[in-house]
Amino acid sequence: VQLQASGGGLVQAGGSLRLSCAASGSTSSVYAMGWFRQAPGKEREFVSAIKWYGGSTYYADSVKGRFTISRDNAKNTMYLQMNSLKPEDTAVYYCAGHRSPPATIEAIKRGLMNYWGKGTQVTVSS
């Protein structure tokens, strides 16, 4: 499975962006997909995840209520709608996927994913 993230950019604090992650290849094997981010000088951190079939969603506390993850199975695309952006949301955002068999959400949050896309830069100015 190949993943391609897009939609990053520069936005002012309080603004919105929508990230997309297009999947290609053997997408029927995907169990869950998620977004992670890495800010300069910091470790990569979990942002959000979604089960590909069923649609259960999970969020980091830092983005809960501001970000919404979704997916379009027909288009093999995952989205991350980011509202009320803050300067601390500035990071490179990566999309990732976990293939079947299922993994615990804890494992997914730790980044135990099988597929990774190249990142897209999100910069939030104050």
Protein backbone atom coordinates (compact mmCIF):
# COMPACT_ATOMS: atom_id res chain seq x y z
CA VAL A 1 0.00 0.00 0.00
CA GLN A 2 1.28 3.43 -0.95
CA LEU A 3 0.14 6.56 0.87
CA GLN A 4 0.28 10.12 -0.38
CA ALA A 5 -0.51 12.98 1.97
CA SER A 6 -1.43 16.45 0.78
CA GLY A 7 -3.17 19.61 1.92
CA GLY A 8 -0.60 21.17 4.20
CA GLY A 9 0.22 24.84 4.12
CA LEU A 10 0.58 28.07 6.04
CA VAL A 11 -2.40 29.33 8.01
CA GLN A 12 -2.98 31.87 10.75
CA ALA A 13 -3.92 30.80 14.24
CA GLY A 14 -7.62 30.07 14.42
CA GLY A 15 -7.74 29.02 10.81
CA SER A 16 -8.48 25.67 9.20
CA LEU A 17 -6.84 23.18 6.89
CA ARG A 18 -7.91 19.82 5.51
CA LEU A 19 -5.32 17.14 4.95
CA SER A 20 -5.89 14.25 2.58
CA CYS A 21 -4.19 10.88 2.39
CA ALA A 22 -4.72 8.88 -0.79
CA ALA A 23 -4.05 5.15 -0.58
CA SER A 24 -3.22 2.93 -3.52
CA GLY A 25 -2.33 -0.72 -3.91
CA SER A 26 -3.77 -3.53 -1.81
CA THR A 27 -6.03 -1.30 0.23
CA SER A 28 -8.37 -4.18 1.10
CA SER A 29 -5.75 -5.29 3.60
CA VAL A 30 -5.90 -2.03 5.57
CA TYR A 31 -7.28 -2.34 9.10
CA ALA A 32 -6.80 1.22 10.29
CA MET A 33 -5.21 4.46 9.22
CA GLY A 34 -3.99 7.40 11.16
CA TRP A 35 -2.24 10.72 11.29
CA PHE A 36 0.94 11.46 13.16
CA ARG A 37 2.96 14.63 13.39
CA GLN A 38 6.48 15.67 14.20
CA ALA A 39 7.51 19.16 15.16
CA PRO A 40 11.13 20.34 14.93
CA GLY A 41 13.17 18.94 17.79
CA LYS A 42 10.32 16.79 19.05
CA GLU A 43 9.39 13.16 18.76
CA ARG A 44 6.68 11.99 16.43
CA GLU A 45 3.29 11.95 18.11
CA PHE A 46 -0.07 10.40 17.46
CA VAL A 47 -2.80 12.74 16.24
CA SER A 48 -5.77 10.64 15.18
CA ALA A 49 -6.77 7.26 13.79
CA ILE A 50 -9.75 5.62 12.14
CA LYS A 51 -10.70 2.02 11.57
CA TRP A 52 -11.04 1.55 7.83
CA TYR A 53 -14.12 -0.67 8.14
CA GLY A 54 -16.48 0.43 10.87
CA GLY A 55 -15.16 3.96 11.14
CA SER A 56 -14.32 4.12 14.84
CA THR A 57 -12.23 7.19 15.51
CA TYR A 58 -9.55 8.09 18.04
CA TYR A 59 -7.90 11.39 18.90
CA ALA A 60 -5.04 12.72 20.92
CA ASP A 61 -6.25 14.89 23.78
CA SER A 62 -4.44 17.88 22.29
CA VAL A 63 -6.61 17.88 19.16
CA LYS A 64 -9.90 16.52 20.48
CA GLY A 65 -12.76 18.84 19.61
CA ARG A 66 -10.71 20.67 16.97
CA PHE A 67 -9.72 17.96 14.48
CA THR A 68 -11.99 15.48 12.72
CA ILE A 69 -10.76 12.36 10.95
CA SER A 70 -12.82 10.70 8.24
CA ARG A 71 -12.42 8.37 5.31
CA ASP A 72 -13.99 7.70 1.97
CA ASN A 73 -13.63 3.99 1.28
CA ALA A 74 -14.75 4.37 -2.33
CA LYS A 75 -11.95 6.85 -2.97
CA ASN A 76 -9.44 5.07 -0.70
CA THR A 77 -8.81 8.42 0.91
CA MET A 78 -8.53 9.56 4.52
CA TYR A 79 -9.00 13.14 5.64
CA LEU A 80 -8.09 15.25 8.63
CA GLN A 81 -10.13 18.41 9.04
CA MET A 82 -8.22 20.73 11.31
CA ASN A 83 -10.06 23.69 12.81
CA SER A 84 -9.08 26.30 15.40
CA LEU A 85 -5.44 25.71 14.57
CA LYS A 86 -2.82 26.80 17.07
CA PRO A 87 0.88 27.57 16.59
CA GLU A 88 1.67 24.40 18.54
CA ASP A 89 0.00 22.39 15.77
CA THR A 90 2.90 23.33 13.50
CA ALA A 91 4.56 20.12 12.35
CA VAL A 92 5.08 17.74 9.49
CA TYR A 93 1.99 15.56 9.33
CA TYR A 94 2.29 11.96 8.21
CA CYS A 95 -0.41 9.52 7.28
CA ALA A 96 0.07 5.86 8.06
CA GLY A 97 -1.75 2.58 7.76
CA HIS A 98 -1.96 -0.69 9.65
CA ARG A 99 -2.82 -3.85 7.76
CA SER A 100 -4.84 -6.74 9.06
CA PRO A 101 -4.87 -8.59 11.39
CA PRO A 102 -6.18 -5.97 13.79
CA ALA A 103 -3.97 -4.19 16.27
CA THR A 104 -4.93 -2.54 19.51
CA ILE A 105 -5.50 1.18 19.38
CA GLU A 106 -2.68 1.51 21.88
CA ALA A 107 -0.29 -0.09 19.41
CA ILE A 108 -1.54 2.16 16.65
CA LYS A 109 -1.06 5.21 18.86
CA ARG A 110 2.53 4.11 19.46
CA GLY A 111 3.08 4.24 15.72
CA LEU A 112 3.22 0.50 15.04
CA MET A 113 2.04 1.00 11.47
CA ASN A 114 2.96 -0.94 8.35
CA TYR A 115 2.69 1.83 5.80
CA TRP A 116 3.87 5.45 5.93
CA GLY A 117 3.44 8.28 3.51
CA LYS A 118 5.70 11.24 3.01
CA GLY A 119 4.76 14.11 5.24
CA THR A 120 3.03 17.36 4.51
CA GLN A 121 4.06 20.54 6.30
CA VAL A 122 1.52 22.44 8.39
CA THR A 123 2.61 25.82 9.68
CA VAL A 124 0.37 27.89 11.95
CA SER A 125 1.43 31.48 12.49
CA SER A 126 0.49 33.44 15.60
